[in-house]
PDB file of all heavy atoms in Angstrom:
ATOM      1  N   ASP A   1       0.855  -1.178   0.000  1.00  0.00           N
ATOM      2  CA  ASP A   1       0.000   0.000   0.000  1.00  0.00           C
ATOM      3  C   ASP A   1       0.895   1.233   0.000  1.00  0.00           C
ATOM      4  O   ASP A   1       1.560   1.536   0.996  1.00  0.00           O
ATOM      5  CB  ASP A   1      -0.893  -0.008   1.240  1.00  0.00           C
ATOM      6  CG  ASP A   1      -1.816   1.206   1.298  1.00  0.00           C
ATOM      7  OD1 ASP A   1      -1.760   2.046   0.369  1.00  0.00           O
ATOM      8  OD2 ASP A   1      -2.580   1.321   2.273  1.00  0.00           O
ATOM      9  N   LEU A   2       0.917   1.933  -1.116  1.00  0.00           N
ATOM     10  CA  LEU A   2       1.759   3.113  -1.261  1.00  0.00           C
ATOM     11  C   LEU A   2       0.932   4.393  -1.355  1.00  0.00           C
ATOM     12  O   LEU A   2       1.431   5.427  -1.813  1.00  0.00           O
ATOM     13  CB  LEU A   2       2.637   2.969  -2.511  1.00  0.00           C
ATOM     14  CG  LEU A   2       3.638   1.813  -2.477  1.00  0.00           C
ATOM     15  CD1 LEU A   2       4.182   1.534  -3.873  1.00  0.00           C
ATOM     16  CD2 LEU A   2       4.779   2.126  -1.518  1.00  0.00           C
ATOM     17  N   SER A   3      -0.310   4.326  -0.916  1.00  0.00           N
ATOM     18  CA  SER A   3      -1.182   5.498  -1.049  1.00  0.00           C
ATOM     19  C   SER A   3      -0.600   6.695  -0.304  1.00  0.00           C
ATOM     20  O   SER A   3      -0.691   7.834  -0.778  1.00  0.00           O
ATOM     21  CB  SER A   3      -2.585   5.179  -0.537  1.00  0.00           C
ATOM     22  OG  SER A   3      -2.547   4.720   0.802  1.00  0.00           O
ATOM     23  N   TRP A   4       0.017   6.452   0.869  1.00  0.00           N
ATOM     24  CA  TRP A   4       0.642   7.546   1.612  1.00  0.00           C
ATOM     25  C   TRP A   4       1.733   8.217   0.785  1.00  0.00           C
ATOM     26  O   TRP A   4       1.913   9.437   0.870  1.00  0.00           O
ATOM     27  CB  TRP A   4       1.233   7.019   2.926  1.00  0.00           C
ATOM     28  CG  TRP A   4       2.285   5.958   2.708  1.00  0.00           C
ATOM     29  CD1 TRP A   4       2.097   4.613   2.624  1.00  0.00           C
ATOM     30  CD2 TRP A   4       3.685   6.179   2.487  1.00  0.00           C
ATOM     31  NE1 TRP A   4       3.288   3.962   2.370  1.00  0.00           N
ATOM     32  CE2 TRP A   4       4.278   4.906   2.292  1.00  0.00           C
ATOM     33  CE3 TRP A   4       4.493   7.318   2.449  1.00  0.00           C
ATOM     34  CZ2 TRP A   4       5.648   4.759   2.045  1.00  0.00           C
ATOM     35  CZ3 TRP A   4       5.855   7.165   2.208  1.00  0.00           C
ATOM     36  CH2 TRP A   4       6.420   5.885   2.016  1.00  0.00           C
ATOM     37  N   PHE A   5       2.470   7.433   0.000  1.00  0.00           N
ATOM     38  CA  PHE A   5       3.560   7.981  -0.813  1.00  0.00           C
ATOM     39  C   PHE A   5       3.003   8.863  -1.927  1.00  0.00           C
ATOM     40  O   PHE A   5       3.427  10.008  -2.105  1.00  0.00           O
ATOM     41  CB  PHE A   5       4.393   6.836  -1.393  1.00  0.00           C
ATOM     42  CG  PHE A   5       5.526   7.298  -2.264  1.00  0.00           C
ATOM     43  CD1 PHE A   5       6.765   7.577  -1.719  1.00  0.00           C
ATOM     44  CD2 PHE A   5       5.352   7.473  -3.633  1.00  0.00           C
ATOM     45  CE1 PHE A   5       7.810   8.031  -2.516  1.00  0.00           C
ATOM     46  CE2 PHE A   5       6.392   7.922  -4.437  1.00  0.00           C
ATOM     47  CZ  PHE A   5       7.622   8.202  -3.872  1.00  0.00           C
ATOM     48  N   TRP A   6       2.056   8.320  -2.702  1.00  0.00           N
ATOM     49  CA  TRP A   6       1.495   9.102  -3.808  1.00  0.00           C
ATOM     50  C   TRP A   6       0.819  10.367  -3.284  1.00  0.00           C
ATOM     51  O   TRP A   6       0.953  11.449  -3.879  1.00  0.00           O
ATOM     52  CB  TRP A   6       0.496   8.264  -4.589  1.00  0.00           C
ATOM     53  CG  TRP A   6       1.044   7.000  -5.167  1.00  0.00           C
ATOM     54  CD1 TRP A   6       0.686   5.724  -4.847  1.00  0.00           C
ATOM     55  CD2 TRP A   6       2.062   6.879  -6.181  1.00  0.00           C
ATOM     56  NE1 TRP A   6       1.404   4.807  -5.589  1.00  0.00           N
ATOM     57  CE2 TRP A   6       2.253   5.489  -6.414  1.00  0.00           C
ATOM     58  CE3 TRP A   6       2.817   7.790  -6.908  1.00  0.00           C
ATOM     59  CZ2 TRP A   6       3.170   5.005  -7.349  1.00  0.00           C
ATOM     60  CZ3 TRP A   6       3.728   7.316  -7.839  1.00  0.00           C
ATOM     61  CH2 TRP A   6       3.898   5.944  -8.053  1.00  0.00           C
ATOM     62  N   HIS A   7       0.076  10.219  -2.187  1.00  0.00           N
ATOM     63  CA  HIS A   7      -0.628  11.373  -1.629  1.00  0.00           C
ATOM     64  C   HIS A   7       0.364  12.466  -1.219  1.00  0.00           C
ATOM     65  O   HIS A   7       0.164  13.650  -1.508  1.00  0.00           O
ATOM     66  CB  HIS A   7      -1.466  10.938  -0.423  1.00  0.00           C
ATOM     67  CG  HIS A   7      -2.256  12.060   0.191  1.00  0.00           C
ATOM     68  ND1 HIS A   7      -1.739  12.875   1.181  1.00  0.00           N
ATOM     69  CD2 HIS A   7      -3.504  12.518  -0.047  1.00  0.00           C
ATOM     70  CE1 HIS A   7      -2.644  13.777   1.527  1.00  0.00           C
ATOM     71  NE2 HIS A   7      -3.717  13.583   0.790  1.00  0.00           N
ATOM     72  N   THR A   8       1.446  12.072  -0.563  1.00  0.00           N
ATOM     73  CA  THR A   8       2.417  13.046  -0.071  1.00  0.00           C
ATOM     74  C   THR A   8       3.091  13.798  -1.201  1.00  0.00           C
ATOM     75  O   THR A   8       3.164  15.036  -1.189  1.00  0.00           O
ATOM     76  CB  THR A   8       3.487  12.338   0.779  1.00  0.00           C
ATOM     77  OG1 THR A   8       2.861  11.728   1.912  1.00  0.00           O
ATOM     78  CG2 THR A   8       4.559  13.315   1.242  1.00  0.00           C
ATOM     79  N   TRP A   9       3.572  13.074  -2.201  1.00  0.00           N
ATOM     80  CA  TRP A   9       4.454  13.679  -3.184  1.00  0.00           C
ATOM     81  C   TRP A   9       3.731  14.231  -4.406  1.00  0.00           C
ATOM     82  O   TRP A   9       4.301  15.047  -5.143  1.00  0.00           O
ATOM     83  CB  TRP A   9       5.519  12.673  -3.612  1.00  0.00           C
ATOM     84  CG  TRP A   9       6.449  12.372  -2.479  1.00  0.00           C
ATOM     85  CD1 TRP A   9       6.494  11.233  -1.732  1.00  0.00           C
ATOM     86  CD2 TRP A   9       7.446  13.244  -1.936  1.00  0.00           C
ATOM     87  NE1 TRP A   9       7.458  11.338  -0.759  1.00  0.00           N
ATOM     88  CE2 TRP A   9       8.065  12.565  -0.864  1.00  0.00           C
ATOM     89  CE3 TRP A   9       7.892  14.533  -2.255  1.00  0.00           C
ATOM     90  CZ2 TRP A   9       9.091  13.136  -0.110  1.00  0.00           C
ATOM     91  CZ3 TRP A   9       8.916  15.098  -1.500  1.00  0.00           C
ATOM     92  CH2 TRP A   9       9.506  14.395  -0.447  1.00  0.00           C
ATOM     93  N   LEU A  10       2.480  13.819  -4.636  1.00  0.00           N
ATOM     94  CA  LEU A  10       1.750  14.304  -5.809  1.00  0.00           C
ATOM     95  C   LEU A  10       0.597  15.232  -5.462  1.00  0.00           C
ATOM     96  O   LEU A  10       0.305  16.163  -6.212  1.00  0.00           O
ATOM     97  CB  LEU A  10       1.215  13.117  -6.620  1.00  0.00           C
ATOM     98  CG  LEU A  10       2.269  12.159  -7.178  1.00  0.00           C
ATOM     99  CD1 LEU A  10       1.592  11.029  -7.938  1.00  0.00           C
ATOM    100  CD2 LEU A  10       3.259  12.882  -8.086  1.00  0.00           C
ATOM    101  N   TYR A  11      -0.055  14.978  -4.341  1.00  0.00           N
ATOM    102  CA  TYR A  11      -1.251  15.745  -3.995  1.00  0.00           C
ATOM    103  C   TYR A  11      -0.967  16.886  -3.024  1.00  0.00           C
ATOM    104  O   TYR A  11      -1.842  17.721  -2.781  1.00  0.00           O
ATOM    105  CB  TYR A  11      -2.311  14.829  -3.391  1.00  0.00           C
ATOM    106  CG  TYR A  11      -2.946  13.875  -4.370  1.00  0.00           C
ATOM    107  CD1 TYR A  11      -2.341  12.666  -4.697  1.00  0.00           C
ATOM    108  CD2 TYR A  11      -4.166  14.172  -4.982  1.00  0.00           C
ATOM    109  CE1 TYR A  11      -2.915  11.783  -5.589  1.00  0.00           C
ATOM    110  CE2 TYR A  11      -4.756  13.293  -5.875  1.00  0.00           C
ATOM    111  CZ  TYR A  11      -4.121  12.101  -6.179  1.00  0.00           C
ATOM    112  OH  TYR A  11      -4.710  11.225  -7.076  1.00  0.00           O
ATOM    113  N   THR A  12       0.219  16.923  -2.425  1.00  0.00           N
ATOM    114  CA  THR A  12       0.562  17.984  -1.483  1.00  0.00           C
ATOM    115  C   THR A  12       1.931  18.563  -1.865  1.00  0.00           C
ATOM    116  O   THR A  12       2.602  18.070  -2.766  1.00  0.00           O
ATOM    117  CB  THR A  12       0.636  17.466  -0.037  1.00  0.00           C
ATOM    118  OG1 THR A  12       1.888  16.777   0.174  1.00  0.00           O
ATOM    119  CG2 THR A  12      -0.512  16.515   0.280  1.00  0.00           C
ATOM    120  N   THR A  13       2.330  19.596  -1.137  1.00  0.00           N
ATOM    121  CA  THR A  13       3.671  20.161  -1.295  1.00  0.00           C
ATOM    122  C   THR A  13       4.504  19.899  -0.045  1.00  0.00           C
ATOM    123  O   THR A  13       5.453  20.643   0.246  1.00  0.00           O
ATOM    124  CB  THR A  13       3.599  21.672  -1.579  1.00  0.00           C
ATOM    125  OG1 THR A  13       2.909  22.320  -0.501  1.00  0.00           O
ATOM    126  CG2 THR A  13       2.876  21.948  -2.881  1.00  0.00           C
ATOM    127  N   ALA A  14       4.162  18.842   0.692  1.00  0.00           N
ATOM    128  CA  ALA A  14       4.928  18.495   1.886  1.00  0.00           C
ATOM    129  C   ALA A  14       6.380  18.220   1.524  1.00  0.00           C
ATOM    130  O   ALA A  14       6.676  17.654   0.465  1.00  0.00           O
ATOM    131  CB  ALA A  14       4.309  17.276   2.564  1.00  0.00           C
ATOM    132  N   THR A  15       7.288  18.633   2.401  1.00  0.00           N
ATOM    133  CA  THR A  15       8.715  18.410   2.187  1.00  0.00           C
ATOM    134  C   THR A  15       9.267  17.513   3.289  1.00  0.00           C
ATOM    135  O   THR A  15       8.646  17.316   4.338  1.00  0.00           O
ATOM    136  CB  THR A  15       9.481  19.742   2.150  1.00  0.00           C
ATOM    137  OG1 THR A  15       9.156  20.504   3.319  1.00  0.00           O
ATOM    138  CG2 THR A  15       9.116  20.535   0.913  1.00  0.00           C
ATOM    139  N   LEU A  16      10.462  16.992   3.045  1.00  0.00           N
ATOM    140  CA  LEU A  16      11.077  15.993   3.927  1.00  0.00           C
ATOM    141  C   LEU A  16      12.260  16.603   4.671  1.00  0.00           C
ATOM    142  O   LEU A  16      13.148  17.207   4.054  1.00  0.00           O
ATOM    143  CB  LEU A  16      11.548  14.802   3.094  1.00  0.00           C
ATOM    144  CG  LEU A  16      12.232  13.656   3.844  1.00  0.00           C
ATOM    145  CD1 LEU A  16      11.241  12.946   4.759  1.00  0.00           C
ATOM    146  CD2 LEU A  16      12.843  12.666   2.853  1.00  0.00           C
ATOM    147  N   ASP A  17      12.269  16.430   5.985  1.00  0.00           N
ATOM    148  CA  ASP A  17      13.418  16.832   6.804  1.00  0.00           C
ATOM    149  C   ASP A  17      13.527  15.867   7.979  1.00  0.00           C
ATOM    150  O   ASP A  17      12.889  16.050   9.015  1.00  0.00           O
ATOM    151  CB  ASP A  17      13.264  18.271   7.292  1.00  0.00           C
ATOM    152  CG  ASP A  17      14.505  18.766   8.037  1.00  0.00           C
ATOM    153  OD1 ASP A  17      15.513  18.025   8.066  1.00  0.00           O
ATOM    154  OD2 ASP A  17      14.458  19.882   8.598  1.00  0.00           O
ATOM    155  N   GLN A  18      14.308  14.827   7.805  1.00  0.00           N
ATOM    156  CA  GLN A  18      14.548  13.841   8.858  1.00  0.00           C
ATOM    157  C   GLN A  18      15.904  14.127   9.489  1.00  0.00           C
ATOM    158  O   GLN A  18      16.878  14.393   8.778  1.00  0.00           O
ATOM    159  CB  GLN A  18      14.516  12.425   8.298  1.00  0.00           C
ATOM    160  CG  GLN A  18      13.158  12.036   7.726  1.00  0.00           C
ATOM    161  CD  GLN A  18      13.190  10.691   7.020  1.00  0.00           C
ATOM    162  OE1 GLN A  18      14.240  10.230   6.599  1.00  0.00           O
ATOM    163  NE2 GLN A  18      12.021  10.062   6.896  1.00  0.00           N
ATOM    164  N   ALA A  19      15.983  14.079  10.813  1.00  0.00           N
ATOM    165  CA  ALA A  19      17.207  14.465  11.510  1.00  0.00           C
ATOM    166  C   ALA A  19      17.511  13.495  12.642  1.00  0.00           C
ATOM    167  O   ALA A  19      16.600  12.909  13.253  1.00  0.00           O
ATOM    168  CB  ALA A  19      17.071  15.880  12.065  1.00  0.00           C
ATOM    169  N   ILE A  20      18.784  13.345  12.932  1.00  0.00           N
ATOM    170  CA  ILE A  20      19.214  12.590  14.113  1.00  0.00           C
ATOM    171  C   ILE A  20      19.200  13.555  15.291  1.00  0.00           C
ATOM    172  O   ILE A  20      19.991  14.504  15.345  1.00  0.00           O
ATOM    173  CB  ILE A  20      20.617  11.997  13.911  1.00  0.00           C
ATOM    174  CG1 ILE A  20      20.592  11.007  12.735  1.00  0.00           C
ATOM    175  CG2 ILE A  20      21.104  11.312  15.187  1.00  0.00           C
ATOM    176  CD1 ILE A  20      21.956  10.471  12.364  1.00  0.00           C
ATOM    177  N   SER A  21      18.299  13.314  16.240  1.00  0.00           N
ATOM    178  CA  SER A  21      18.179  14.205  17.398  1.00  0.00           C
ATOM    179  C   SER A  21      19.236  13.917  18.449  1.00  0.00           C
ATOM    180  O   SER A  21      19.811  14.836  19.037  1.00  0.00           O
ATOM    181  CB  SER A  21      16.784  14.066  18.015  1.00  0.00           C
ATOM    182  OG  SER A  21      15.808  14.555  17.145  1.00  0.00           O
ATOM    183  N   SER A  22      19.468  12.624  18.690  1.00  0.00           N
ATOM    184  CA  SER A  22      20.447  12.290  19.723  1.00  0.00           C
ATOM    185  C   SER A  22      20.907  10.855  19.564  1.00  0.00           C
ATOM    186  O   SER A  22      20.195  10.017  19.001  1.00  0.00           O
ATOM    187  CB  SER A  22      19.859  12.491  21.125  1.00  0.00           C
ATOM    188  OG  SER A  22      18.759  11.606  21.330  1.00  0.00           O
ATOM    189  N   VAL A  23      22.118  10.573  20.068  1.00  0.00           N
ATOM    190  CA  VAL A  23      22.663   9.227  20.173  1.00  0.00           C
ATOM    191  C   VAL A  23      23.209   9.111  21.596  1.00  0.00           C
ATOM    192  O   VAL A  23      24.192   9.779  21.948  1.00  0.00           O
ATOM    193  CB  VAL A  23      23.766   8.969  19.131  1.00  0.00           C
ATOM    194  CG1 VAL A  23      24.349   7.570  19.305  1.00  0.00           C
ATOM    195  CG2 VAL A  23      23.232   9.160  17.720  1.00  0.00           C
ATOM    196  N   GLU A  24      22.568   8.291  22.425  1.00  0.00           N
ATOM    197  CA  GLU A  24      22.907   8.217  23.848  1.00  0.00           C
ATOM    198  C   GLU A  24      23.163   6.772  24.244  1.00  0.00           C
ATOM    199  O   GLU A  24      22.346   5.890  23.951  1.00  0.00           O
ATOM    200  CB  GLU A  24      21.769   8.789  24.699  1.00  0.00           C
ATOM    201  CG  GLU A  24      21.461  10.257  24.380  1.00  0.00           C
ATOM    202  CD  GLU A  24      20.237  10.756  25.132  1.00  0.00           C
ATOM    203  OE1 GLU A  24      19.396   9.897  25.506  1.00  0.00           O
ATOM    204  OE2 GLU A  24      20.117  11.968  25.344  1.00  0.00           O
TER     205      GLU A  24
END
């Protein structure tokens, strides 16, 4: 099920910013 993928990248202008917050 890739509906979340198509919806995000084709139907919206949402952008991606994934970050490493901490390593403990």
